[in-house]
Amino acid sequence: MLVLVLGVVTPEAQTVLRFFGWVQWVAGTRMQLMTEAGSSIEVDLTQTDQSSYQGLRGGDAVVVDGIVSADRGRIIARELWREGGNGYWTQSP
């Protein structure tokens, strides 16, 4: 039984990373993010609240907290904040 418990890796055990960047596009539950470093990253939005990304447009500044997918091809967002103006960040439109 101990081997089975140690062999299971849950998403909660993965390191959450933070990305700052600008929305390139949003389609359904996917978003493309351009980082400060000039890298383009695909973001999976299926684990975030829809209100946090509803209404996002190209060029909007966002912060994404998420984990790297198992195939290392995208970030699975856990939380997303948008720049709300006047120097504050918000999670809803």
N, C-alpha and C. Protein backbone atom coordinates (compact mmCIF):
# COMPACT_ATOMS: atom_id res chain seq x y z
N MET A 1 0.83 -1.19 0.00
CA MET A 1 0.00 0.00 0.00
C MET A 1 0.87 1.25 0.00
N LEU A 2 1.97 1.24 0.68
CA LEU A 2 2.85 2.40 0.74
C LEU A 2 3.39 2.76 -0.64
N VAL A 3 3.71 1.77 -1.46
CA VAL A 3 4.20 2.02 -2.81
C VAL A 3 3.14 2.72 -3.64
N LEU A 4 1.89 2.32 -3.51
CA LEU A 4 0.81 2.96 -4.26
C LEU A 4 0.64 4.42 -3.87
N VAL A 5 0.73 4.72 -2.61
CA VAL A 5 0.57 6.09 -2.14
C VAL A 5 1.70 6.96 -2.65
N LEU A 6 2.92 6.50 -2.63
CA LEU A 6 4.06 7.28 -3.09
C LEU A 6 4.09 7.43 -4.61
N GLY A 7 3.47 6.49 -5.33
CA GLY A 7 3.49 6.54 -6.78
C GLY A 7 2.49 7.49 -7.39
N VAL A 8 1.56 8.00 -6.61
CA VAL A 8 0.53 8.89 -7.12
C VAL A 8 0.98 10.34 -6.95
N VAL A 9 0.98 11.09 -8.04
CA VAL A 9 1.33 12.51 -7.97
C VAL A 9 0.08 13.30 -8.33
N THR A 10 -0.39 14.09 -7.39
CA THR A 10 -1.58 14.89 -7.63
C THR A 10 -1.20 16.25 -8.17
N PRO A 11 -2.10 16.92 -8.88
CA PRO A 11 -1.80 18.27 -9.38
C PRO A 11 -1.43 19.23 -8.26
N GLU A 12 -1.99 19.02 -7.05
CA GLU A 12 -1.69 19.90 -5.93
C GLU A 12 -0.22 19.81 -5.52
N ALA A 13 0.44 18.70 -5.85
CA ALA A 13 1.84 18.52 -5.48
C ALA A 13 2.78 19.24 -6.45
N GLN A 14 2.28 19.72 -7.56
CA GLN A 14 3.11 20.39 -8.54
C GLN A 14 3.33 21.84 -8.15
N THR A 15 4.45 22.38 -8.58
CA THR A 15 4.79 23.76 -8.26
C THR A 15 3.97 24.73 -9.10
N VAL A 16 3.34 25.68 -8.44
CA VAL A 16 2.59 26.71 -9.13
C VAL A 16 3.55 27.82 -9.53
N LEU A 17 3.52 28.19 -10.80
CA LEU A 17 4.38 29.23 -11.34
C LEU A 17 3.56 30.46 -11.67
N ARG A 18 4.18 31.63 -11.68
CA ARG A 18 3.48 32.87 -12.02
C ARG A 18 4.06 33.45 -13.30
N PHE A 19 3.15 33.83 -14.21
CA PHE A 19 3.54 34.42 -15.49
C PHE A 19 2.85 35.77 -15.64
N PHE A 20 3.60 36.78 -16.06
CA PHE A 20 3.04 38.08 -16.38
C PHE A 20 3.18 38.28 -17.88
N GLY A 21 2.15 38.80 -18.50
CA GLY A 21 2.25 39.05 -19.93
C GLY A 21 1.01 39.71 -20.47
N TRP A 22 0.88 39.67 -21.79
CA TRP A 22 -0.21 40.30 -22.50
C TRP A 22 -0.93 39.26 -23.33
N VAL A 23 -2.25 39.34 -23.31
CA VAL A 23 -3.08 38.41 -24.06
C VAL A 23 -2.84 38.63 -25.55
N GLN A 24 -2.56 37.55 -26.27
CA GLN A 24 -2.50 37.60 -27.73
C GLN A 24 -3.89 37.29 -28.29
N TRP A 25 -4.51 36.22 -27.75
CA TRP A 25 -5.87 35.86 -28.13
C TRP A 25 -6.47 34.93 -27.08
N VAL A 26 -7.80 34.90 -27.05
CA VAL A 26 -8.55 33.99 -26.20
C VAL A 26 -9.60 33.33 -27.08
N ALA A 27 -9.73 32.01 -26.99
CA ALA A 27 -10.74 31.27 -27.75
C ALA A 27 -11.24 30.13 -26.87
N GLY A 28 -12.49 30.22 -26.44
CA GLY A 28 -13.05 29.18 -25.58
C GLY A 28 -12.31 29.12 -24.27
N THR A 29 -11.67 27.98 -24.00
CA THR A 29 -10.93 27.80 -22.76
C THR A 29 -9.42 27.78 -23.00
N ARG A 30 -8.99 28.45 -24.07
CA ARG A 30 -7.56 28.55 -24.39
C ARG A 30 -7.18 30.01 -24.56
N MET A 31 -5.95 30.33 -24.19
CA MET A 31 -5.44 31.68 -24.33
C MET A 31 -3.97 31.60 -24.73
N GLN A 32 -3.53 32.54 -25.54
CA GLN A 32 -2.12 32.65 -25.89
C GLN A 32 -1.60 33.90 -25.19
N LEU A 33 -0.48 33.75 -24.47
CA LEU A 33 0.09 34.82 -23.66
C LEU A 33 1.49 35.17 -24.16
N MET A 34 1.77 36.45 -24.33
CA MET A 34 3.11 36.92 -24.67
C MET A 34 3.74 37.43 -23.38
N THR A 35 4.85 36.81 -22.95
CA THR A 35 5.50 37.19 -21.70
C THR A 35 6.41 38.40 -21.89
N GLU A 36 6.86 38.95 -20.77
CA GLU A 36 7.80 40.07 -20.80
C GLU A 36 9.07 39.71 -21.57
N ALA A 37 9.46 38.44 -21.51
CA ALA A 37 10.68 37.98 -22.18
C ALA A 37 10.47 37.76 -23.67
N GLY A 38 9.24 37.92 -24.15
CA GLY A 38 8.96 37.75 -25.57
C GLY A 38 8.59 36.34 -25.96
N SER A 39 8.36 35.47 -24.98
CA SER A 39 7.94 34.10 -25.27
C SER A 39 6.42 34.02 -25.37
N SER A 40 5.94 33.22 -26.29
CA SER A 40 4.51 33.00 -26.45
C SER A 40 4.16 31.67 -25.79
N ILE A 41 3.17 31.70 -24.88
CA ILE A 41 2.81 30.52 -24.10
C ILE A 41 1.33 30.22 -24.27
N GLU A 42 1.00 28.95 -24.51
CA GLU A 42 -0.40 28.55 -24.54
C GLU A 42 -0.87 28.33 -23.10
N VAL A 43 -2.05 28.83 -22.78
CA VAL A 43 -2.62 28.71 -21.43
C VAL A 43 -3.96 27.99 -21.52
N ASP A 44 -4.10 26.93 -20.75
CA ASP A 44 -5.34 26.16 -20.62
C ASP A 44 -6.15 26.79 -19.49
N LEU A 45 -7.35 27.25 -19.78
CA LEU A 45 -8.17 27.98 -18.81
C LEU A 45 -9.25 27.12 -18.16
N THR A 46 -9.25 25.81 -18.39
CA THR A 46 -10.34 24.95 -17.93
C THR A 46 -10.46 24.87 -16.41
N GLN A 47 -9.39 25.17 -15.67
CA GLN A 47 -9.44 25.08 -14.21
C GLN A 47 -9.58 26.44 -13.53
N THR A 48 -9.87 27.48 -14.30
CA THR A 48 -10.08 28.80 -13.74
C THR A 48 -11.56 29.16 -13.83
N ASP A 49 -11.98 30.10 -13.03
CA ASP A 49 -13.35 30.58 -13.09
C ASP A 49 -13.54 31.36 -14.38
N GLN A 50 -14.60 31.07 -15.11
CA GLN A 50 -14.83 31.72 -16.40
C GLN A 50 -14.89 33.24 -16.27
N SER A 51 -15.38 33.75 -15.17
CA SER A 51 -15.48 35.20 -15.01
C SER A 51 -14.11 35.88 -14.97
N SER A 52 -13.04 35.11 -14.65
CA SER A 52 -11.71 35.71 -14.58
C SER A 52 -11.12 35.98 -15.96
N TYR A 53 -11.61 35.30 -17.00
CA TYR A 53 -11.08 35.54 -18.34
C TYR A 53 -12.14 35.99 -19.34
N GLN A 54 -13.38 36.01 -18.92
CA GLN A 54 -14.46 36.47 -19.80
C GLN A 54 -14.23 37.95 -20.14
N GLY A 55 -14.28 38.27 -21.40
CA GLY A 55 -14.11 39.65 -21.82
C GLY A 55 -12.68 40.08 -22.05
N LEU A 56 -11.71 39.18 -21.85
CA LEU A 56 -10.32 39.54 -22.15
C LEU A 56 -10.15 39.79 -23.64
N ARG A 57 -9.30 40.73 -23.97
CA ARG A 57 -9.02 41.06 -25.37
C ARG A 57 -7.51 41.08 -25.59
N GLY A 58 -7.12 40.96 -26.84
CA GLY A 58 -5.72 41.06 -27.20
C GLY A 58 -5.11 42.35 -26.66
N GLY A 59 -3.94 42.22 -26.05
CA GLY A 59 -3.25 43.38 -25.50
C GLY A 59 -3.50 43.61 -24.02
N ASP A 60 -4.51 42.95 -23.43
CA ASP A 60 -4.78 43.10 -22.00
C ASP A 60 -3.63 42.51 -21.20
N ALA A 61 -3.21 43.22 -20.15
CA ALA A 61 -2.17 42.73 -19.25
C ALA A 61 -2.79 41.76 -18.25
N VAL A 62 -2.15 40.60 -18.05
CA VAL A 62 -2.66 39.60 -17.12
C VAL A 62 -1.52 38.95 -16.34
N VAL A 63 -1.88 38.39 -15.19
CA VAL A 63 -0.99 37.54 -14.41
C VAL A 63 -1.67 36.18 -14.33
N VAL A 64 -0.92 35.13 -14.63
CA VAL A 64 -1.45 33.77 -14.61
C VAL A 64 -0.65 32.96 -13.61
N ASP A 65 -1.33 32.35 -12.64
CA ASP A 65 -0.73 31.36 -11.75
C ASP A 65 -1.17 30.00 -12.24
N GLY A 66 -0.21 29.11 -12.50
CA GLY A 66 -0.57 27.80 -13.01
C GLY A 66 0.56 26.81 -12.94
N ILE A 67 0.28 25.62 -13.42
CA ILE A 67 1.27 24.54 -13.45
C ILE A 67 1.57 24.17 -14.89
N VAL A 68 2.73 23.60 -15.10
CA VAL A 68 3.12 23.14 -16.43
C VAL A 68 2.41 21.81 -16.68
N SER A 69 1.81 21.68 -17.86
CA SER A 69 1.11 20.44 -18.22
C SER A 69 2.08 19.27 -18.28
N ALA A 70 1.54 18.06 -18.19
CA ALA A 70 2.36 16.85 -18.22
C ALA A 70 3.20 16.76 -19.49
N ASP A 71 2.66 17.23 -20.62
CA ASP A 71 3.41 17.18 -21.88
C ASP A 71 4.32 18.39 -22.06
N ARG A 72 4.32 19.30 -21.07
CA ARG A 72 5.16 20.49 -21.04
C ARG A 72 4.88 21.44 -22.21
N GLY A 73 3.68 21.31 -22.82
CA GLY A 73 3.34 22.12 -23.97
C GLY A 73 2.50 23.35 -23.66
N ARG A 74 2.03 23.47 -22.41
CA ARG A 74 1.17 24.60 -22.06
C ARG A 74 1.17 24.78 -20.54
N ILE A 75 0.58 25.88 -20.12
CA ILE A 75 0.37 26.15 -18.70
C ILE A 75 -1.10 25.91 -18.40
N ILE A 76 -1.38 25.19 -17.33
CA ILE A 76 -2.75 24.99 -16.88
C ILE A 76 -3.00 26.03 -15.80
N ALA A 77 -3.80 27.03 -16.13
CA ALA A 77 -4.04 28.15 -15.22
C ALA A 77 -4.88 27.71 -14.03
N ARG A 78 -4.48 28.15 -12.87
CA ARG A 78 -5.26 27.94 -11.65
C ARG A 78 -5.97 29.24 -11.27
N GLU A 79 -5.27 30.36 -11.46
CA GLU A 79 -5.84 31.67 -11.18
C GLU A 79 -5.35 32.65 -12.23
N LEU A 80 -6.18 33.65 -12.51
CA LEU A 80 -5.84 34.64 -13.53
C LEU A 80 -6.33 36.00 -13.05
N TRP A 81 -5.44 36.98 -13.13
CA TRP A 81 -5.79 38.36 -12.77
C TRP A 81 -5.58 39.24 -13.97
N ARG A 82 -6.42 40.25 -14.11
CA ARG A 82 -6.25 41.24 -15.17
C ARG A 82 -5.91 42.58 -14.53
N GLU A 83 -5.21 43.40 -15.27
CA GLU A 83 -4.87 44.75 -14.80
C GLU A 83 -6.16 45.55 -14.80
N GLY A 84 -6.54 46.05 -13.63
CA GLY A 84 -7.82 46.73 -13.51
C GLY A 84 -7.76 48.24 -13.61
N GLY A 85 -6.59 48.77 -13.93
CA GLY A 85 -6.43 50.22 -13.98
C GLY A 85 -6.07 50.76 -12.60
N ASN A 86 -5.49 51.91 -12.58
CA ASN A 86 -5.10 52.57 -11.32
C ASN A 86 -4.17 51.71 -10.47
N GLY A 87 -3.41 50.82 -11.09
CA GLY A 87 -2.40 50.04 -10.38
C GLY A 87 -2.90 48.87 -9.57
N TYR A 88 -4.11 48.39 -9.80
CA TYR A 88 -4.58 47.22 -9.06
C TYR A 88 -4.96 46.10 -10.03
N TRP A 89 -5.03 44.88 -9.51
CA TRP A 89 -5.35 43.69 -10.31
C TRP A 89 -6.64 43.09 -9.80
N THR A 90 -7.42 42.52 -10.69
CA THR A 90 -8.71 41.94 -10.32
C THR A 90 -8.90 40.58 -10.99
N GLN A 91 -9.78 39.76 -10.41
CA GLN A 91 -10.06 38.45 -10.98
C GLN A 91 -11.37 38.39 -11.73
N SER A 92 -12.12 39.44 -11.75
CA SER A 92 -13.39 39.40 -12.48
C SER A 92 -13.52 40.65 -13.34
N PRO A 93 -14.39 40.55 -14.38
CA PRO A 93 -14.51 41.69 -15.30
C PRO A 93 -15.09 42.93 -14.64
